[in-house]
């Protein structure tokens, strides 16, 4: 008797097999980024899909600004949706905080985009 083993990476895949996980590219300018930060960014970007499910990809640029200011961690996030690109820039004390603020801004932009498209249908 053969046994079929199905590997599921995400529990929600079991209920919705048509899941699109957005491609996220993380670019660290002049430093190496650790895996925990990359995972945090991927997880946060995946949450954007509940606001607008047509996001194709995201490019995240991490930079450490050379200033005496404590808020020297800069994050730029560019997301690609069919017909448009959106860019958000934030500068904070930590990369996690900057990613979170950027994602919140993108949520508002994507909701606005979705409402605009629905109004034209």
N, C-alpha and C. Protein backbone atom coordinates (compact mmCIF):
# COMPACT_ATOMS: atom_id res chain seq x y z
N UNK A 1 0.83 -1.18 0.00
CA UNK A 1 0.00 0.00 0.00
C UNK A 1 0.88 1.24 0.00
N UNK A 2 0.66 2.12 -0.96
CA UNK A 2 1.43 3.35 -1.06
C UNK A 2 0.79 4.45 -0.26
N UNK A 3 1.63 5.27 0.32
CA UNK A 3 1.13 6.40 1.09
C UNK A 3 1.59 7.69 0.42
N UNK A 4 0.66 8.60 0.21
CA UNK A 4 0.98 9.88 -0.42
C UNK A 4 1.22 10.91 0.67
N UNK A 5 2.38 11.54 0.65
CA UNK A 5 2.71 12.57 1.63
C UNK A 5 2.74 13.90 0.91
N UNK A 6 1.94 14.83 1.41
CA UNK A 6 1.85 16.16 0.82
C UNK A 6 2.47 17.15 1.80
N UNK A 7 3.47 17.86 1.34
CA UNK A 7 4.11 18.86 2.19
C UNK A 7 3.43 20.20 1.99
N UNK A 8 3.00 20.79 3.08
CA UNK A 8 2.34 22.10 3.04
C UNK A 8 3.17 23.07 3.86
N UNK A 9 3.65 24.12 3.18
CA UNK A 9 4.47 25.11 3.86
C UNK A 9 3.64 26.08 4.67
N UNK A 10 2.44 26.34 4.21
CA UNK A 10 1.59 27.33 4.84
C UNK A 10 0.25 26.66 5.10
N UNK A 11 -0.27 26.77 6.30
CA UNK A 11 -1.52 26.10 6.66
C UNK A 11 -2.68 26.56 5.78
N UNK A 12 -2.66 27.80 5.36
CA UNK A 12 -3.76 28.31 4.54
C UNK A 12 -3.75 27.72 3.14
N UNK A 13 -2.62 27.12 2.71
CA UNK A 13 -2.57 26.49 1.39
C UNK A 13 -3.52 25.31 1.33
N UNK A 14 -3.78 24.70 2.47
CA UNK A 14 -4.66 23.57 2.52
C UNK A 14 -6.08 23.96 2.09
N UNK A 15 -6.50 25.15 2.46
CA UNK A 15 -7.85 25.60 2.18
C UNK A 15 -7.95 26.40 0.89
N UNK A 16 -6.88 27.04 0.50
CA UNK A 16 -6.88 27.87 -0.70
C UNK A 16 -5.63 27.55 -1.51
N UNK A 17 -5.69 26.58 -2.41
CA UNK A 17 -4.49 26.18 -3.14
C UNK A 17 -3.98 27.21 -4.13
N UNK A 18 -4.77 28.25 -4.43
CA UNK A 18 -4.37 29.26 -5.42
C UNK A 18 -3.72 30.47 -4.74
N UNK A 19 -2.79 30.23 -3.86
CA UNK A 19 -2.15 31.32 -3.14
C UNK A 19 -0.97 31.84 -3.96
N UNK A 20 -0.93 33.15 -4.12
CA UNK A 20 0.20 33.79 -4.78
C UNK A 20 1.06 34.42 -3.70
N UNK A 21 2.26 33.94 -3.55
CA UNK A 21 3.17 34.58 -2.62
C UNK A 21 4.00 35.55 -3.43
N UNK A 22 3.92 36.80 -3.01
CA UNK A 22 4.59 37.86 -3.72
C UNK A 22 6.11 37.68 -3.67
N UNK A 23 6.75 37.99 -4.78
CA UNK A 23 8.21 37.92 -4.85
C UNK A 23 8.77 39.19 -4.20
N UNK A 24 9.59 39.01 -3.19
CA UNK A 24 10.18 40.15 -2.48
C UNK A 24 11.69 40.06 -2.61
N UNK A 25 12.30 41.10 -3.18
CA UNK A 25 13.75 41.18 -3.27
C UNK A 25 14.24 42.20 -2.26
N UNK A 26 15.17 41.79 -1.41
CA UNK A 26 15.74 42.68 -0.40
C UNK A 26 17.15 43.05 -0.83
N UNK A 27 17.40 44.35 -0.91
CA UNK A 27 18.71 44.87 -1.32
C UNK A 27 19.28 45.66 -0.14
N UNK A 28 20.38 45.19 0.41
CA UNK A 28 21.06 45.91 1.48
C UNK A 28 22.24 46.66 0.87
N UNK A 29 22.21 47.97 1.01
CA UNK A 29 23.24 48.81 0.39
C UNK A 29 24.42 48.96 1.35
N UNK A 30 25.57 48.44 0.94
CA UNK A 30 26.84 48.53 1.67
C UNK A 30 26.87 47.82 3.02
N UNK A 31 26.05 46.81 3.22
CA UNK A 31 26.15 45.96 4.40
C UNK A 31 25.42 44.65 4.11
N UNK A 32 25.67 43.65 4.94
CA UNK A 32 24.97 42.37 4.77
C UNK A 32 23.83 42.30 5.77
N UNK A 33 22.72 41.83 5.30
CA UNK A 33 21.51 41.77 6.11
C UNK A 33 21.37 40.35 6.68
N UNK A 34 20.89 40.25 7.92
CA UNK A 34 20.75 38.92 8.50
C UNK A 34 19.41 38.29 8.12
N UNK A 35 19.32 37.01 8.28
CA UNK A 35 18.15 36.23 7.84
C UNK A 35 16.88 36.62 8.58
N UNK A 36 16.99 36.96 9.86
CA UNK A 36 15.81 37.34 10.64
C UNK A 36 15.13 38.57 10.05
N UNK A 37 15.92 39.54 9.62
CA UNK A 37 15.36 40.76 9.05
C UNK A 37 14.70 40.46 7.69
N UNK A 38 15.33 39.63 6.89
CA UNK A 38 14.76 39.25 5.60
C UNK A 38 13.42 38.53 5.81
N UNK A 39 13.37 37.62 6.77
CA UNK A 39 12.13 36.90 7.06
C UNK A 39 11.05 37.85 7.55
N UNK A 40 11.43 38.81 8.39
CA UNK A 40 10.48 39.80 8.89
C UNK A 40 9.90 40.60 7.72
N UNK A 41 10.76 41.03 6.81
CA UNK A 41 10.32 41.82 5.66
C UNK A 41 9.39 41.00 4.77
N UNK A 42 9.74 39.74 4.50
CA UNK A 42 8.90 38.88 3.66
C UNK A 42 7.53 38.69 4.30
N UNK A 43 7.52 38.44 5.59
CA UNK A 43 6.25 38.23 6.29
C UNK A 43 5.38 39.48 6.24
N UNK A 44 5.99 40.63 6.43
CA UNK A 44 5.23 41.89 6.43
C UNK A 44 4.73 42.22 5.03
N UNK A 45 5.52 41.96 4.01
CA UNK A 45 5.09 42.23 2.64
C UNK A 45 3.96 41.28 2.22
N UNK A 46 4.01 40.04 2.68
CA UNK A 46 2.94 39.09 2.37
C UNK A 46 1.60 39.55 2.90
N UNK A 47 1.60 40.27 4.01
CA UNK A 47 0.35 40.77 4.58
C UNK A 47 -0.31 41.82 3.69
N UNK A 48 0.45 42.45 2.81
CA UNK A 48 -0.12 43.45 1.92
C UNK A 48 -1.12 42.85 0.94
N UNK A 49 -0.98 41.56 0.67
CA UNK A 49 -1.86 40.92 -0.30
C UNK A 49 -3.31 40.85 0.15
N UNK A 50 -3.57 41.01 1.44
CA UNK A 50 -4.96 41.00 1.86
C UNK A 50 -5.65 42.32 1.55
N UNK A 51 -4.88 43.36 1.26
CA UNK A 51 -5.45 44.66 0.89
C UNK A 51 -5.64 44.78 -0.62
N UNK A 52 -4.73 44.17 -1.38
CA UNK A 52 -4.82 44.20 -2.84
C UNK A 52 -4.09 42.96 -3.34
N UNK A 53 -4.82 42.03 -3.90
CA UNK A 53 -4.24 40.72 -4.23
C UNK A 53 -3.49 40.65 -5.56
N UNK A 54 -3.34 41.77 -6.24
CA UNK A 54 -2.65 41.76 -7.54
C UNK A 54 -1.24 42.30 -7.47
N UNK A 55 -0.67 42.36 -6.30
CA UNK A 55 0.71 42.82 -6.16
C UNK A 55 1.62 41.75 -6.76
N UNK A 56 2.46 42.15 -7.71
CA UNK A 56 3.32 41.21 -8.41
C UNK A 56 4.61 40.96 -7.63
N UNK A 57 5.28 42.06 -7.27
CA UNK A 57 6.56 41.92 -6.58
C UNK A 57 6.85 43.17 -5.77
N UNK A 58 7.86 43.03 -4.92
CA UNK A 58 8.30 44.17 -4.11
C UNK A 58 9.83 44.18 -4.08
N UNK A 59 10.38 45.37 -4.16
CA UNK A 59 11.82 45.57 -3.99
C UNK A 59 12.00 46.40 -2.73
N UNK A 60 12.80 45.89 -1.80
CA UNK A 60 13.04 46.57 -0.54
C UNK A 60 14.52 46.94 -0.48
N UNK A 61 14.78 48.23 -0.34
CA UNK A 61 16.15 48.72 -0.26
C UNK A 61 16.42 49.19 1.16
N UNK A 62 17.46 48.64 1.78
CA UNK A 62 17.85 49.00 3.14
C UNK A 62 19.16 49.77 3.08
N UNK A 63 19.18 50.94 3.73
CA UNK A 63 20.38 51.77 3.72
C UNK A 63 20.64 52.31 5.13
N UNK A 64 21.90 52.44 5.46
CA UNK A 64 22.28 53.12 6.69
C UNK A 64 22.83 54.47 6.28
N UNK A 65 22.12 55.53 6.64
CA UNK A 65 22.54 56.88 6.28
C UNK A 65 23.70 57.31 7.17
N UNK A 66 24.61 58.06 6.63
CA UNK A 66 25.76 58.54 7.40
C UNK A 66 25.46 59.91 7.99
N UNK A 67 24.68 59.88 9.05
CA UNK A 67 24.35 61.11 9.77
C UNK A 67 24.59 60.89 11.25
N UNK A 68 24.64 61.98 11.99
CA UNK A 68 24.79 61.86 13.44
C UNK A 68 23.44 61.61 14.11
N UNK A 69 22.39 61.67 13.31
CA UNK A 69 21.04 61.45 13.80
C UNK A 69 20.85 59.98 14.18
N UNK A 70 20.06 59.71 15.24
CA UNK A 70 19.80 58.33 15.65
C UNK A 70 18.91 57.61 14.64
N UNK A 71 18.06 58.35 13.96
CA UNK A 71 17.18 57.75 12.97
C UNK A 71 17.92 57.68 11.62
N UNK A 72 18.86 56.74 11.54
CA UNK A 72 19.69 56.67 10.34
C UNK A 72 19.43 55.42 9.49
N UNK A 73 18.39 54.66 9.80
CA UNK A 73 18.06 53.47 9.02
C UNK A 73 16.97 53.83 8.02
N UNK A 74 17.30 53.78 6.74
CA UNK A 74 16.35 54.16 5.69
C UNK A 74 15.87 52.92 4.95
N UNK A 75 14.57 52.89 4.69
CA UNK A 75 13.95 51.80 3.94
C UNK A 75 13.16 52.39 2.79
N UNK A 76 13.38 51.87 1.60
CA UNK A 76 12.58 52.24 0.43
C UNK A 76 11.92 50.96 -0.07
N UNK A 77 10.62 51.01 -0.24
CA UNK A 77 9.89 49.84 -0.74
C UNK A 77 9.18 50.24 -2.02
N UNK A 78 9.45 49.50 -3.07
CA UNK A 78 8.79 49.72 -4.35
C UNK A 78 7.98 48.47 -4.65
N UNK A 79 6.65 48.64 -4.80
CA UNK A 79 5.83 47.49 -5.13
C UNK A 79 5.30 47.65 -6.55
N UNK A 80 5.22 46.54 -7.23
CA UNK A 80 4.75 46.51 -8.61
C UNK A 80 3.37 45.89 -8.66
N UNK A 81 2.42 46.64 -9.19
CA UNK A 81 1.09 46.13 -9.46
C UNK A 81 0.84 46.35 -10.95
N UNK A 82 -0.03 45.58 -11.56
CA UNK A 82 -0.28 45.77 -12.99
C UNK A 82 -0.69 47.21 -13.30
N UNK A 83 0.11 47.87 -14.12
CA UNK A 83 -0.19 49.23 -14.54
C UNK A 83 0.44 50.32 -13.70
N UNK A 84 1.03 49.98 -12.57
CA UNK A 84 1.61 51.00 -11.68
C UNK A 84 2.74 50.45 -10.83
N UNK A 85 3.55 51.36 -10.33
CA UNK A 85 4.54 51.06 -9.30
C UNK A 85 4.34 52.08 -8.19
N UNK A 86 4.46 51.65 -6.96
CA UNK A 86 4.34 52.55 -5.82
C UNK A 86 5.64 52.51 -5.03
N UNK A 87 6.10 53.69 -4.61
CA UNK A 87 7.35 53.80 -3.87
C UNK A 87 7.10 54.53 -2.56
N UNK A 88 7.59 53.94 -1.47
CA UNK A 88 7.46 54.55 -0.15
C UNK A 88 8.85 54.56 0.49
N UNK A 89 9.20 55.70 1.10
CA UNK A 89 10.49 55.83 1.79
C UNK A 89 10.24 56.24 3.23
N UNK A 90 10.92 55.56 4.16
CA UNK A 90 10.83 55.90 5.58
C UNK A 90 12.21 55.81 6.20
N UNK A 91 12.44 56.64 7.21
CA UNK A 91 13.71 56.63 7.94
C UNK A 91 13.41 56.59 9.43
N UNK A 92 13.97 55.60 10.14
CA UNK A 92 13.67 55.39 11.56
C UNK A 92 14.93 54.94 12.29
N UNK A 93 14.74 54.61 13.57
CA UNK A 93 15.86 54.13 14.39
C UNK A 93 16.24 52.70 14.05
N UNK A 94 15.24 51.88 13.66
CA UNK A 94 15.51 50.48 13.31
C UNK A 94 14.89 50.17 11.95
N UNK A 95 15.43 49.14 11.31
CA UNK A 95 14.88 48.73 10.03
C UNK A 95 13.48 48.17 10.19
N UNK A 96 13.25 47.44 11.30
CA UNK A 96 11.93 46.87 11.52
C UNK A 96 10.85 47.95 11.62
N UNK A 97 11.16 49.00 12.35
CA UNK A 97 10.22 50.11 12.49
C UNK A 97 9.96 50.79 11.14
N UNK A 98 11.01 50.98 10.37
CA UNK A 98 10.88 51.62 9.06
C UNK A 98 10.07 50.74 8.10
N UNK A 99 10.29 49.43 8.14
CA UNK A 99 9.53 48.51 7.30
C UNK A 99 8.06 48.54 7.70
N UNK A 100 7.79 48.54 8.99
CA UNK A 100 6.41 48.57 9.48
C UNK A 100 5.69 49.84 9.03
N UNK A 101 6.33 50.99 9.19
CA UNK A 101 5.72 52.26 8.77
C UNK A 101 5.51 52.30 7.25
N UNK A 102 6.47 51.79 6.51
CA UNK A 102 6.35 51.74 5.06
C UNK A 102 5.19 50.85 4.64
N UNK A 103 5.08 49.70 5.29
CA UNK A 103 4.00 48.77 4.96
C UNK A 103 2.64 49.37 5.27
N UNK A 104 2.54 50.11 6.37
CA UNK A 104 1.28 50.77 6.71
C UNK A 104 0.91 51.80 5.64
N UNK A 105 1.89 52.54 5.16
CA UNK A 105 1.64 53.51 4.09
C UNK A 105 1.19 52.80 2.81
N UNK A 106 1.84 51.69 2.51
CA UNK A 106 1.48 50.93 1.32
C UNK A 106 0.08 50.34 1.44
N UNK A 107 -0.31 49.95 2.64
CA UNK A 107 -1.67 49.44 2.84
C UNK A 107 -2.69 50.50 2.43
N UNK A 108 -2.47 51.73 2.87
CA UNK A 108 -3.39 52.81 2.52
C UNK A 108 -3.41 53.06 1.01
N UNK A 109 -2.25 53.03 0.39
CA UNK A 109 -2.16 53.24 -1.06
C UNK A 109 -2.89 52.12 -1.81
N UNK A 110 -2.71 50.89 -1.37
CA UNK A 110 -3.33 49.76 -2.06
C UNK A 110 -4.84 49.75 -1.88
N UNK A 111 -5.32 50.13 -0.70
CA UNK A 111 -6.76 50.22 -0.48
C UNK A 111 -7.36 51.28 -1.39
N UNK A 112 -6.67 52.41 -1.51
CA UNK A 112 -7.12 53.48 -2.39
C UNK A 112 -7.16 53.00 -3.84
N UNK A 113 -6.13 52.28 -4.24
CA UNK A 113 -6.05 51.75 -5.61
C UNK A 113 -7.20 50.78 -5.88
N UNK A 114 -7.48 49.91 -4.90
CA UNK A 114 -8.55 48.93 -5.05
C UNK A 114 -9.91 49.62 -5.18
N UNK A 115 -10.13 50.64 -4.36
CA UNK A 115 -11.38 51.38 -4.42
C UNK A 115 -11.53 52.11 -5.76
N UNK A 116 -10.44 52.64 -6.26
CA UNK A 116 -10.47 53.34 -7.54
C UNK A 116 -10.84 52.38 -8.67
N UNK A 117 -10.28 51.19 -8.64
CA UNK A 117 -10.58 50.20 -9.67
C UNK A 117 -12.03 49.74 -9.57
N UNK A 118 -12.52 49.53 -8.35
CA UNK A 118 -13.92 49.11 -8.17
C UNK A 118 -14.89 50.18 -8.65
N UNK A 119 -14.53 51.44 -8.51
CA UNK A 119 -15.39 52.53 -8.93
C UNK A 119 -15.55 52.56 -10.45
N UNK A 120 -14.54 52.06 -11.16
CA UNK A 120 -14.58 52.08 -12.63
C UNK A 120 -15.25 50.85 -13.22
N UNK A 121 -15.55 49.88 -12.38
CA UNK A 121 -16.16 48.64 -12.90
C UNK A 121 -17.67 48.80 -12.97
